[in-house]
Amino acid sequence: MKFRLGLMTRPAGGTYDVIIVGGGPAGLSAALYSKRFGLNTAVITEKIGGSLTEAGLIDDYIGMPEIMGPDLARKFEEHVRKYDVPIILDKVEKVLKEGDAFKVFTHSRAEFTAKAVIIAVGSKRKKLGVPGEEEFRGRGVTYCAPCDAPLFKGKVTAVVGGGNAALQAALLLAEYSPKVYLIHRRDEFRAFKAYVDLIRRNDRIEPVLNTVVARIGGDRTVKWIEVKNVKTGEISKIPVEGVVIEVGSVPPKEFFETIGLKTDEKGFIIVGPGQETNIPGVFAAGDCTAGPHKKKFDQVVTAAAEGAVAALSAYEYILNLGKR
């Protein structure tokens, strides 16, 4: 079945050598390599590009200097589609092993069969859990700076977080907003020095350290945030019309538990050197993984590399199945 860019279908199911769950850098890389190994491959994902679609300027993916996250995601997708790999927009809800095969069930009640499965679902954005966050979601509160930055043109905004994603969001917002408060609970940022230097040099961005957001308020839309200094306990109010929340992410632990995958204390899938899991035939790659054999470094380049390794491991696993 051939797919064209922009045209999606949702088949009732099918039989494949490898089914990849997740369409971010790890999943798409796994799809590319799996297909190049000659395996009949399909990708099932809720969103093509994964977290890349919500990323700002990316300048650390080798060979692609200063590219926006959604643009890099598009290039990944185009490369995979070159090999006629079906990318199915659906949500995988259950994976069961039956003999030497796996049954993959989706939200649309489709049923797929595969000899091996690669899990590459990434992780989901954390929330602050403060009053006003849910009330003003979509009305000034956002978790995606690239999606909504143009909406804040001429408006004072705040970014909450201290990692790479938060600093990227602040730099992007500063292209539209005359004033960006960058609020972080520690006394220094956890981001790459290159991003920190850019923040320090940008007159539109004001770091607010040792501070947490305690409340988000307004009328029909966000008008202010209440912040608390974690060292002094002082509470103050900052007038803003937009809040971008970038405080990390968590894996879908419950989904992993339904499959029977072994996870660490934070819910990330424990993988071996070949991205293998505790279930023979199930491999995992990208931000959803961890373990003693992995250096946790959630970057596009590491996710893509792990996807390639997972595809190789799946290929070798399927070859061994044929020798039984």
C-alpha atoms as a PDB file:
ATOM      1  CA  MET A   1       0.000   0.000   0.000  1.00  0.00           C
ATOM      2  CA  LYS A   2       1.495   3.342  -1.009  1.00  0.00           C
ATOM      3  CA  PHE A   3       1.000   6.483   1.051  1.00  0.00           C
ATOM      4  CA  ARG A   4       1.317  10.069  -0.065  1.00  0.00           C
ATOM      5  CA  LEU A   5       2.240  13.026   2.074  1.00  0.00           C
ATOM      6  CA  GLY A   6      -0.838  14.486   3.665  1.00  0.00           C
ATOM      7  CA  LEU A   7      -3.003  11.464   2.828  1.00  0.00           C
ATOM      8  CA  MET A   8      -3.662   9.100   5.729  1.00  0.00           C
ATOM      9  CA  THR A   9      -5.670   5.928   5.901  1.00  0.00           C
ATOM     10  CA  ARG A  10      -6.645   3.794   8.861  1.00  0.00           C
ATOM     11  CA  PRO A  11      -6.672   0.137   7.785  1.00  0.00           C
ATOM     12  CA  ALA A  12      -8.607  -2.478   9.689  1.00  0.00           C
ATOM     13  CA  GLY A  13      -5.359  -4.284  10.388  1.00  0.00           C
ATOM     14  CA  GLY A  14      -2.661  -6.296   8.687  1.00  0.00           C
ATOM     15  CA  THR A  15       0.301  -8.630   9.085  1.00  0.00           C
ATOM     16  CA  TYR A  16       3.842  -7.287   9.216  1.00  0.00           C
ATOM     17  CA  ASP A  17       7.307  -8.349  10.212  1.00  0.00           C
ATOM     18  CA  VAL A  18       7.727  -5.318  12.455  1.00  0.00           C
ATOM     19  CA  ILE A  19       5.235  -2.874  13.906  1.00  0.00           C
ATOM     20  CA  ILE A  20       6.645   0.328  15.353  1.00  0.00           C
ATOM     21  CA  VAL A  21       4.553   2.074  17.987  1.00  0.00           C
ATOM     22  CA  GLY A  22       5.361   5.781  17.886  1.00  0.00           C
ATOM     23  CA  GLY A  23       6.238   8.236  15.137  1.00  0.00           C
ATOM     24  CA  GLY A  24       8.887  10.495  16.641  1.00  0.00           C
ATOM     25  CA  PRO A  25      12.619  10.483  15.809  1.00  0.00           C
ATOM     26  CA  ALA A  26      13.164   7.037  17.352  1.00  0.00           C
ATOM     27  CA  GLY A  27      10.133   5.465  15.699  1.00  0.00           C
ATOM     28  CA  LEU A  28      10.736   6.956  12.259  1.00  0.00           C
ATOM     29  CA  SER A  29      14.420   6.044  12.366  1.00  0.00           C
ATOM     30  CA  ALA A  30      13.485   2.495  13.339  1.00  0.00           C
ATOM     31  CA  ALA A  31      11.031   2.385  10.428  1.00  0.00           C
ATOM     32  CA  LEU A  32      13.658   3.538   7.956  1.00  0.00           C
ATOM     33  CA  TYR A  33      16.225   0.973   9.045  1.00  0.00           C
ATOM     34  CA  SER A  34      13.690  -1.812   9.422  1.00  0.00           C
ATOM     35  CA  LYS A  35      12.534  -1.304   5.856  1.00  0.00           C
ATOM     36  CA  ARG A  36      16.121  -1.116   4.615  1.00  0.00           C
ATOM     37  CA  PHE A  37      16.720  -4.500   6.273  1.00  0.00           C
ATOM     38  CA  GLY A  38      13.982  -5.834   4.015  1.00  0.00           C
ATOM     39  CA  LEU A  39      11.345  -6.192   6.712  1.00  0.00           C
ATOM     40  CA  ASN A  40       7.672  -5.549   6.039  1.00  0.00           C
ATOM     41  CA  THR A  41       7.190  -2.580   8.360  1.00  0.00           C
ATOM     42  CA  ALA A  42       4.398  -0.329   9.591  1.00  0.00           C
ATOM     43  CA  VAL A  43       4.312   2.627  11.971  1.00  0.00           C
ATOM     44  CA  ILE A  44       1.308   3.268  14.206  1.00  0.00           C
ATOM     45  CA  THR A  45       1.333   6.660  15.884  1.00  0.00           C
ATOM     46  CA  GLU A  46      -0.981   9.310  17.250  1.00  0.00           C
ATOM     47  CA  LYS A  47       1.185  12.116  15.912  1.00  0.00           C
ATOM     48  CA  ILE A  48       3.839  12.081  13.215  1.00  0.00           C
ATOM     49  CA  GLY A  49       7.025  13.704  14.480  1.00  0.00           C
ATOM     50  CA  GLY A  50       6.392  13.198  18.176  1.00  0.00           C
ATOM     51  CA  SER A  51       7.834  15.913  20.402  1.00  0.00           C
ATOM     52  CA  LEU A  52       9.603  17.458  17.409  1.00  0.00           C
ATOM     53  CA  THR A  53       6.303  19.002  16.382  1.00  0.00           C
ATOM     54  CA  GLU A  54       6.374  21.056  19.582  1.00  0.00           C
ATOM     55  CA  ALA A  55      10.079  21.920  19.542  1.00  0.00           C
ATOM     56  CA  GLY A  56      11.527  25.300  18.687  1.00  0.00           C
ATOM     57  CA  LEU A  57      14.825  26.013  17.001  1.00  0.00           C
ATOM     58  CA  ILE A  58      17.073  22.949  16.822  1.00  0.00           C
ATOM     59  CA  ASP A  59      20.778  23.534  16.271  1.00  0.00           C
ATOM     60  CA  ASP A  60      22.279  20.318  17.605  1.00  0.00           C
ATOM     61  CA  TYR A  61      21.160  17.729  15.057  1.00  0.00           C
ATOM     62  CA  ILE A  62      24.214  17.134  12.917  1.00  0.00           C
ATOM     63  CA  GLY A  63      23.871  18.305   9.329  1.00  0.00           C
ATOM     64  CA  MET A  64      20.698  20.313   9.985  1.00  0.00           C
ATOM     65  CA  PRO A  65      21.813  23.627  11.512  1.00  0.00           C
ATOM     66  CA  GLU A  66      19.145  26.031  12.770  1.00  0.00           C
ATOM     67  CA  ILE A  67      16.083  24.049  11.782  1.00  0.00           C
ATOM     68  CA  MET A  68      12.698  24.288  13.458  1.00  0.00           C
ATOM     69  CA  GLY A  69      11.424  21.120  15.126  1.00  0.00           C
ATOM     70  CA  PRO A  70       8.350  20.671  12.886  1.00  0.00           C
ATOM     71  CA  ASP A  71      10.535  21.110   9.777  1.00  0.00           C
ATOM     72  CA  LEU A  72      12.942  18.406  10.948  1.00  0.00           C
ATOM     73  CA  ALA A  73       9.986  16.130  11.695  1.00  0.00           C
ATOM     74  CA  ARG A  74       8.745  16.666   8.148  1.00  0.00           C
ATOM     75  CA  LYS A  75      12.121  15.660   6.726  1.00  0.00           C
ATOM     76  CA  PHE A  76      12.113  12.494   8.822  1.00  0.00           C
ATOM     77  CA  GLU A  77       8.625  11.660   7.595  1.00  0.00           C
ATOM     78  CA  GLU A  78       9.505  12.273   3.958  1.00  0.00           C
ATOM     79  CA  HIS A  79      12.518   9.997   4.231  1.00  0.00           C
ATOM     80  CA  VAL A  80      10.446   7.157   5.686  1.00  0.00           C
ATOM     81  CA  ARG A  81       7.689   7.589   3.106  1.00  0.00           C
ATOM     82  CA  LYS A  82      10.313   7.316   0.360  1.00  0.00           C
ATOM     83  CA  TYR A  83      10.436   3.635   1.293  1.00  0.00           C
ATOM     84  CA  ASP A  84       6.651   3.276   1.158  1.00  0.00           C
ATOM     85  CA  VAL A  85       6.343   2.519   4.865  1.00  0.00           C
ATOM     86  CA  PRO A  86       2.707   2.942   5.957  1.00  0.00           C
ATOM     87  CA  ILE A  87       2.307   5.472   8.763  1.00  0.00           C
ATOM     88  CA  ILE A  88      -1.039   4.787  10.414  1.00  0.00           C
ATOM     89  CA  LEU A  89      -2.624   7.483  12.542  1.00  0.00           C
ATOM     90  CA  ASP A  90      -4.112   5.589  15.463  1.00  0.00           C
ATOM     91  CA  LYS A  91      -3.448   4.818  19.119  1.00  0.00           C
ATOM     92  CA  VAL A  92      -2.106   1.444  20.180  1.00  0.00           C
ATOM     93  CA  GLU A  93      -3.922   0.309  23.308  1.00  0.00           C
ATOM     94  CA  LYS A  94      -2.731  -3.247  23.768  1.00  0.00           C
ATOM     95  CA  VAL A  95       0.095  -5.555  22.683  1.00  0.00           C
ATOM     96  CA  LEU A  96      -0.216  -9.288  23.373  1.00  0.00           C
ATOM     97  CA  LYS A  97       2.200 -12.086  22.616  1.00  0.00           C
ATOM     98  CA  GLU A  98       0.699 -15.214  21.052  1.00  0.00           C
ATOM     99  CA  GLY A  99       3.313 -17.895  20.423  1.00  0.00           C
ATOM    100  CA  ASP A 100       6.044 -16.349  18.272  1.00  0.00           C
ATOM    101  CA  ALA A 101       3.804 -13.504  17.108  1.00  0.00           C
ATOM    102  CA  PHE A 102       2.382 -10.328  18.594  1.00  0.00           C
ATOM    103  CA  LYS A 103      -1.148  -8.981  18.336  1.00  0.00           C
ATOM    104  CA  VAL A 104      -1.381  -5.193  18.316  1.00  0.00           C
ATOM    105  CA  PHE A 105      -4.791  -3.651  19.024  1.00  0.00           C
ATOM    106  CA  THR A 106      -5.626   0.009  18.400  1.00  0.00           C
ATOM    107  CA  HIS A 107      -8.217   2.516  19.541  1.00  0.00           C
ATOM    108  CA  SER A 108     -10.039   2.227  16.206  1.00  0.00           C
ATOM    109  CA  ARG A 109     -10.453  -1.509  16.872  1.00  0.00           C
ATOM    110  CA  ALA A 110      -7.933  -2.469  14.236  1.00  0.00           C
ATOM    111  CA  GLU A 111      -5.882  -5.622  14.848  1.00  0.00           C
ATOM    112  CA  PHE A 112      -2.364  -6.118  13.545  1.00  0.00           C
ATOM    113  CA  THR A 113       0.011  -9.061  13.697  1.00  0.00           C
ATOM    114  CA  ALA A 114       3.805  -8.808  13.807  1.00  0.00           C
ATOM    115  CA  LYS A 115       6.851 -10.939  14.488  1.00  0.00           C
ATOM    116  CA  ALA A 116       8.478  -8.096  16.453  1.00  0.00           C
ATOM    117  CA  VAL A 117       7.387  -4.814  17.982  1.00  0.00           C
ATOM    118  CA  ILE A 118       9.388  -1.647  18.619  1.00  0.00           C
ATOM    119  CA  ILE A 119       8.030   0.750  21.250  1.00  0.00           C
ATOM    120  CA  ALA A 120       9.046   4.360  20.612  1.00  0.00           C
ATOM    121  CA  VAL A 121       6.267   6.418  22.169  1.00  0.00           C
ATOM    122  CA  GLY A 122       8.419   9.075  23.829  1.00  0.00           C
ATOM    123  CA  SER A 123       6.994  10.813  26.866  1.00  0.00           C
ATOM    124  CA  LYS A 124       4.245  13.290  27.698  1.00  0.00           C
ATOM    125  CA  ARG A 125       4.487  16.844  28.989  1.00  0.00           C
ATOM    126  CA  LYS A 126       4.355  17.386  32.731  1.00  0.00           C
ATOM    127  CA  LYS A 127       1.910  19.888  34.179  1.00  0.00           C
ATOM    128  CA  LEU A 128       2.493  22.320  37.007  1.00  0.00           C
ATOM    129  CA  GLY A 129      -0.634  21.237  38.849  1.00  0.00           C
ATOM    130  CA  VAL A 130      -1.385  24.751  40.087  1.00  0.00           C
ATOM    131  CA  PRO A 131      -4.729  26.593  40.282  1.00  0.00           C
ATOM    132  CA  GLY A 132      -5.666  28.159  36.964  1.00  0.00           C
ATOM    133  CA  GLU A 133      -3.541  25.887  34.789  1.00  0.00           C
ATOM    134  CA  GLU A 134      -6.397  23.791  33.446  1.00  0.00           C
ATOM    135  CA  GLU A 135      -8.878  26.677  33.508  1.00  0.00           C
ATOM    136  CA  PHE A 136      -6.725  28.798  31.203  1.00  0.00           C
ATOM    137  CA  ARG A 137      -5.367  26.028  28.999  1.00  0.00           C
ATOM    138  CA  GLY A 138      -5.807  27.232  25.442  1.00  0.00           C
ATOM    139  CA  ARG A 139      -6.609  30.706  26.754  1.00  0.00           C
ATOM    140  CA  GLY A 140      -3.079  31.813  27.462  1.00  0.00           C
ATOM    141  CA  VAL A 141      -1.618  28.619  28.907  1.00  0.00           C
ATOM    142  CA  THR A 142       0.209  26.458  26.388  1.00  0.00           C
ATOM    143  CA  TYR A 143       2.741  23.630  26.301  1.00  0.00           C
ATOM    144  CA  CYS A 144       3.900  24.332  22.755  1.00  0.00           C
ATOM    145  CA  ALA A 145       5.838  27.520  22.023  1.00  0.00           C
ATOM    146  CA  PRO A 146       6.255  26.842  18.268  1.00  0.00           C
ATOM    147  CA  CYS A 147       2.506  26.258  17.979  1.00  0.00           C
ATOM    148  CA  ASP A 148       1.382  29.400  19.796  1.00  0.00           C
ATOM    149  CA  ALA A 149       4.245  31.915  19.877  1.00  0.00           C
ATOM    150  CA  PRO A 150       2.733  34.085  17.074  1.00  0.00           C
ATOM    151  CA  LEU A 151      -0.454  34.441  19.156  1.00  0.00           C
ATOM    152  CA  PHE A 152       1.528  36.366  21.772  1.00  0.00           C
ATOM    153  CA  LYS A 153       2.850  39.042  19.445  1.00  0.00           C
ATOM    154  CA  GLY A 154       3.153  42.312  21.387  1.00  0.00           C
ATOM    155  CA  LYS A 155       2.161  40.613  24.676  1.00  0.00           C
ATOM    156  CA  VAL A 156       4.178  40.028  27.841  1.00  0.00           C
ATOM    157  CA  THR A 157       4.708  36.312  28.435  1.00  0.00           C
ATOM    158  CA  ALA A 158       6.320  33.829  30.823  1.00  0.00           C
ATOM    159  CA  VAL A 159       8.092  30.528  30.288  1.00  0.00           C
ATOM    160  CA  VAL A 160       8.274  28.046  33.164  1.00  0.00           C
ATOM    161  CA  GLY A 161      11.241  25.671  33.223  1.00  0.00           C
ATOM    162  CA  GLY A 162      15.011  25.570  33.193  1.00  0.00           C
ATOM    163  CA  GLY A 163      16.032  22.948  30.646  1.00  0.00           C
ATOM    164  CA  ASN A 164      16.824  23.124  26.941  1.00  0.00           C
ATOM    165  CA  ALA A 165      13.179  23.115  25.893  1.00  0.00           C
ATOM    166  CA  ALA A 166      12.316  25.998  28.223  1.00  0.00           C
ATOM    167  CA  LEU A 167      15.183  28.161  27.021  1.00  0.00           C
ATOM    168  CA  GLN A 168      14.360  27.345  23.400  1.00  0.00           C
ATOM    169  CA  ALA A 169      10.773  28.417  24.076  1.00  0.00           C
ATOM    170  CA  ALA A 170      11.914  31.699  25.657  1.00  0.00           C
ATOM    171  CA  LEU A 171      14.156  32.505  22.704  1.00  0.00           C
ATOM    172  CA  LEU A 172      11.326  31.828  20.272  1.00  0.00           C
ATOM    173  CA  LEU A 173       8.802  33.868  22.268  1.00  0.00           C
ATOM    174  CA  ALA A 174      11.244  36.784  22.359  1.00  0.00           C
ATOM    175  CA  GLU A 175      10.798  37.047  18.591  1.00  0.00           C
ATOM    176  CA  TYR A 176       7.174  38.058  19.202  1.00  0.00           C
ATOM    177  CA  SER A 177       6.900  39.200  22.795  1.00  0.00           C
ATOM    178  CA  PRO A 178       8.428  42.477  24.091  1.00  0.00           C
ATOM    179  CA  LYS A 179       9.067  40.854  27.488  1.00  0.00           C
ATOM    180  CA  VAL A 180       9.556  37.214  28.437  1.00  0.00           C
ATOM    181  CA  TYR A 181       9.935  36.129  32.065  1.00  0.00           C
ATOM    182  CA  LEU A 182      11.875  32.869  32.309  1.00  0.00           C
ATOM    183  CA  ILE A 183      10.872  31.286  35.622  1.00  0.00           C
ATOM    184  CA  HIS A 184      12.970  28.504  37.104  1.00  0.00           C
ATOM    185  CA  ARG A 185      12.869  26.931  40.561  1.00  0.00           C
ATOM    186  CA  ARG A 186      16.636  26.536  40.855  1.00  0.00           C
ATOM    187  CA  ASP A 187      19.421  29.109  41.032  1.00  0.00           C
ATOM    188  CA  GLU A 188      20.865  28.135  37.657  1.00  0.00           C
ATOM    189  CA  PHE A 189      19.600  26.689  34.395  1.00  0.00           C
ATOM    190  CA  ARG A 190      20.037  23.024  33.424  1.00  0.00           C
ATOM    191  CA  ALA A 191      20.287  23.785  29.712  1.00  0.00           C
ATOM    192  CA  PHE A 192      23.235  23.739  27.336  1.00  0.00           C
ATOM    193  CA  LYS A 193      25.636  26.645  27.829  1.00  0.00           C
ATOM    194  CA  ALA A 194      24.934  27.840  24.286  1.00  0.00           C
ATOM    195  CA  TYR A 195      21.269  28.416  25.150  1.00  0.00           C
ATOM    196  CA  VAL A 196      22.112  30.032  28.481  1.00  0.00           C
ATOM    197  CA  ASP A 197      24.467  32.464  26.751  1.00  0.00           C
ATOM    198  CA  LEU A 198      21.770  33.399  24.236  1.00  0.00           C
ATOM    199  CA  ILE A 199      19.312  34.015  27.072  1.00  0.00           C
ATOM    200  CA  ARG A 200      21.757  36.229  28.938  1.00  0.00           C
ATOM    201  CA  ARG A 201      22.369  38.331  25.835  1.00  0.00           C
ATOM    202  CA  ASN A 202      18.697  38.803  24.982  1.00  0.00           C
ATOM    203  CA  ASP A 203      17.331  42.061  26.408  1.00  0.00           C
ATOM    204  CA  ARG A 204      13.743  40.846  26.053  1.00  0.00           C
ATOM    205  CA  ILE A 205      14.229  37.865  28.368  1.00  0.00           C
ATOM    206  CA  GLU A 206      14.372  38.288  32.149  1.00  0.00           C
ATOM    207  CA  PRO A 207      15.395  35.217  34.172  1.00  0.00           C
ATOM    208  CA  VAL A 208      13.473  34.794  37.444  1.00  0.00           C
ATOM    209  CA  LEU A 209      15.398  32.184  39.433  1.00  0.00           C
ATOM    210  CA  ASN A 210      14.649  30.336  42.676  1.00  0.00           C
ATOM    211  CA  THR A 211      10.989  30.871  41.856  1.00  0.00           C
ATOM    212  CA  VAL A 212       7.933  28.711  41.194  1.00  0.00           C
ATOM    213  CA  VAL A 213       4.515  29.526  39.780  1.00  0.00           C
ATOM    214  CA  ALA A 214       1.846  29.169  42.464  1.00  0.00           C
ATOM    215  CA  ARG A 215      -1.235  30.309  40.568  1.00  0.00           C
ATOM    216  CA  ILE A 216      -2.365  31.415  37.106  1.00  0.00           C
ATOM    217  CA  GLY A 217      -5.154  33.964  36.890  1.00  0.00           C
ATOM    218  CA  GLY A 218      -7.109  36.319  34.678  1.00  0.00           C
ATOM    219  CA  ASP A 219     -10.603  36.785  33.343  1.00  0.00           C
ATOM    220  CA  ARG A 220     -11.448  35.225  29.985  1.00  0.00           C
ATOM    221  CA  THR A 221      -7.722  34.821  29.277  1.00  0.00           C
ATOM    222  CA  VAL A 222      -4.508  34.820  31.319  1.00  0.00           C
ATOM    223  CA  LYS A 223      -3.668  38.196  32.844  1.00  0.00           C
ATOM    224  CA  TRP A 224      -1.214  37.339  35.610  1.00  0.00           C
ATOM    225  CA  ILE A 225       0.759  34.679  37.418  1.00  0.00           C
ATOM    226  CA  GLU A 226       1.432  34.445  41.127  1.00  0.00           C
ATOM    227  CA  VAL A 227       4.984  33.358  41.890  1.00  0.00           C
ATOM    228  CA  LYS A 228       6.788  32.309  45.057  1.00  0.00           C
ATOM    229  CA  ASN A 229      10.482  32.641  45.852  1.00  0.00           C
ATOM    230  CA  VAL A 230      11.530  29.228  47.167  1.00  0.00           C
ATOM    231  CA  LYS A 231      14.262  30.690  49.374  1.00  0.00           C
ATOM    232  CA  THR A 232      12.495  33.657  50.975  1.00  0.00           C
ATOM    233  CA  GLY A 233       8.892  32.517  50.680  1.00  0.00           C
ATOM    234  CA  GLU A 234       7.993  35.905  49.193  1.00  0.00           C
ATOM    235  CA  ILE A 235       4.885  35.859  46.969  1.00  0.00           C
ATOM    236  CA  SER A 236       4.403  38.347  44.143  1.00  0.00           C
ATOM    237  CA  LYS A 237       2.257  38.798  41.057  1.00  0.00           C
ATOM    238  CA  ILE A 238       3.583  39.277  37.525  1.00  0.00           C
ATOM    239  CA  PRO A 239       1.300  40.657  34.788  1.00  0.00           C
ATOM    240  CA  VAL A 240       1.497  38.359  31.718  1.00  0.00           C
ATOM    241  CA  GLU A 241      -0.844  37.372  28.908  1.00  0.00           C
ATOM    242  CA  GLY A 242       0.709  34.050  28.073  1.00  0.00           C
ATOM    243  CA  VAL A 243       2.372  31.173  29.919  1.00  0.00           C
ATOM    244  CA  VAL A 244       4.422  28.440  28.240  1.00  0.00           C
ATOM    245  CA  ILE A 245       5.020  25.433  30.509  1.00  0.00           C
ATOM    246  CA  GLU A 246       8.188  23.432  29.839  1.00  0.00           C
ATOM    247  CA  VAL A 247       8.936  21.437  32.997  1.00  0.00           C
ATOM    248  CA  GLY A 248       9.819  18.058  31.557  1.00  0.00           C
ATOM    249  CA  SER A 249       7.873  14.955  30.675  1.00  0.00           C
ATOM    250  CA  VAL A 250       6.801  11.532  31.926  1.00  0.00           C
ATOM    251  CA  PRO A 251       6.427   8.187  30.105  1.00  0.00           C
ATOM    252  CA  PRO A 252       3.087   6.378  29.700  1.00  0.00           C
ATOM    253  CA  LYS A 253       3.863   3.895  32.476  1.00  0.00           C
ATOM    254  CA  GLU A 254       0.356   2.402  32.572  1.00  0.00           C
ATOM    255  CA  PHE A 255       0.575   1.452  28.884  1.00  0.00           C
ATOM    256  CA  PHE A 256       3.912  -0.268  29.473  1.00  0.00           C
ATOM    257  CA  GLU A 257       2.459  -2.171  32.416  1.00  0.00           C
ATOM    258  CA  THR A 258      -0.390  -3.562  30.287  1.00  0.00           C
ATOM    259  CA  ILE A 259       2.211  -5.051  27.941  1.00  0.00           C
ATOM    260  CA  GLY A 260       4.250  -6.457  30.819  1.00  0.00           C
ATOM    261  CA  LEU A 261       7.351  -4.370  30.163  1.00  0.00           C
ATOM    262  CA  LYS A 262       9.820  -3.916  32.984  1.00  0.00           C
ATOM    263  CA  THR A 263      10.273  -0.252  33.930  1.00  0.00           C
ATOM    264  CA  ASP A 264      12.417   1.740  36.335  1.00  0.00           C
ATOM    265  CA  GLU A 265      11.110   3.711  39.315  1.00  0.00           C
ATOM    266  CA  LYS A 266      10.126   6.616  37.060  1.00  0.00           C
ATOM    267  CA  GLY A 267       8.234   4.453  34.588  1.00  0.00           C
ATOM    268  CA  PHE A 268      10.767   4.331  31.744  1.00  0.00           C
ATOM    269  CA  ILE A 269      11.259   1.032  29.905  1.00  0.00           C
ATOM    270  CA  ILE A 270      14.465  -0.725  30.914  1.00  0.00           C
ATOM    271  CA  VAL A 271      16.423  -1.712  27.812  1.00  0.00           C
ATOM    272  CA  GLY A 272      19.595  -3.651  27.155  1.00  0.00           C
ATOM    273  CA  PRO A 273      22.515  -2.722  24.880  1.00  0.00           C
ATOM    274  CA  GLY A 274      20.517  -3.733  21.795  1.00  0.00           C
ATOM    275  CA  GLN A 275      17.365  -1.872  22.920  1.00  0.00           C
ATOM    276  CA  GLU A 276      15.851  -5.212  23.943  1.00  0.00           C
ATOM    277  CA  THR A 277      13.263  -5.323  26.713  1.00  0.00           C
ATOM    278  CA  ASN A 278      12.364  -8.085  29.164  1.00  0.00           C
ATOM    279  CA  ILE A 279       9.941  -9.492  26.560  1.00  0.00           C
ATOM    280  CA  PRO A 280      11.687 -11.342  23.696  1.00  0.00           C
ATOM    281  CA  GLY A 281      10.643  -9.739  20.426  1.00  0.00           C
ATOM    282  CA  VAL A 282       9.759  -6.376  21.959  1.00  0.00           C
ATOM    283  CA  PHE A 283      12.309  -3.613  21.615  1.00  0.00           C
ATOM    284  CA  ALA A 284      12.162   0.011  22.717  1.00  0.00           C
ATOM    285  CA  ALA A 285      13.952   3.214  21.770  1.00  0.00           C
ATOM    286  CA  GLY A 286      14.031   6.934  22.441  1.00  0.00           C
ATOM    287  CA  ASP A 287      12.857   9.065  25.336  1.00  0.00           C
ATOM    288  CA  CYS A 288      10.630   6.318  26.783  1.00  0.00           C
ATOM    289  CA  THR A 289      13.632   4.169  27.701  1.00  0.00           C
ATOM    290  CA  ALA A 290      16.226   4.000  30.475  1.00  0.00           C
ATOM    291  CA  GLY A 291      18.242   1.451  32.413  1.00  0.00           C
ATOM    292  CA  PRO A 292      21.787   0.576  33.482  1.00  0.00           C
ATOM    293  CA  HIS A 293      22.883  -0.047  29.900  1.00  0.00           C
ATOM    294  CA  LYS A 294      21.774   3.384  28.722  1.00  0.00           C
ATOM    295  CA  LYS A 295      23.113   6.875  29.310  1.00  0.00           C
ATOM    296  CA  LYS A 296      19.935   8.919  29.701  1.00  0.00           C
ATOM    297  CA  PHE A 297      20.393  11.771  27.238  1.00  0.00           C
ATOM    298  CA  ASP A 298      17.103  12.641  25.563  1.00  0.00           C
ATOM    299  CA  GLN A 299      18.156  14.245  22.303  1.00  0.00           C
ATOM    300  CA  VAL A 300      16.967  13.866  18.720  1.00  0.00           C
ATOM    301  CA  VAL A 301      20.289  12.365  17.684  1.00  0.00           C
ATOM    302  CA  THR A 302      20.265   9.727  20.444  1.00  0.00           C
ATOM    303  CA  ALA A 303      16.624   8.832  19.812  1.00  0.00           C
ATOM    304  CA  ALA A 304      17.307   8.344  16.103  1.00  0.00           C
ATOM    305  CA  ALA A 305      20.371   6.237  16.864  1.00  0.00           C
ATOM    306  CA  GLU A 306      18.467   4.046  19.320  1.00  0.00           C
ATOM    307  CA  GLY A 307      15.723   3.571  16.737  1.00  0.00           C
ATOM    308  CA  ALA A 308      18.297   2.278  14.252  1.00  0.00           C
ATOM    309  CA  VAL A 309      19.758  -0.123  16.842  1.00  0.00           C
ATOM    310  CA  ALA A 310      16.281  -1.370  17.758  1.00  0.00           C
ATOM    311  CA  ALA A 311      15.562  -2.083  14.093  1.00  0.00           C
ATOM    312  CA  LEU A 312      18.796  -4.067  13.795  1.00  0.00           C
ATOM    313  CA  SER A 313      17.934  -6.056  16.904  1.00  0.00           C
ATOM    314  CA  ALA A 314      14.436  -6.755  15.580  1.00  0.00           C
ATOM    315  CA  TYR A 315      15.932  -7.928  12.284  1.00  0.00           C
ATOM    316  CA  GLU A 316      18.307 -10.304  14.071  1.00  0.00           C
ATOM    317  CA  TYR A 317      15.485 -11.576  16.282  1.00  0.00           C
ATOM    318  CA  ILE A 318      13.308 -12.369  13.260  1.00  0.00           C
ATOM    319  CA  LEU A 319      16.209 -14.131  11.534  1.00  0.00           C
ATOM    320  CA  ASN A 320      16.638 -16.357  14.574  1.00  0.00           C
ATOM    321  CA  LEU A 321      12.911 -17.154  14.547  1.00  0.00           C
ATOM    322  CA  GLY A 322      13.382 -18.697  11.127  1.00  0.00           C
ATOM    323  CA  LYS A 323      16.137 -20.987  12.422  1.00  0.00           C
ATOM    324  CA  ARG A 324      13.935 -22.686  15.008  1.00  0.00           C
END
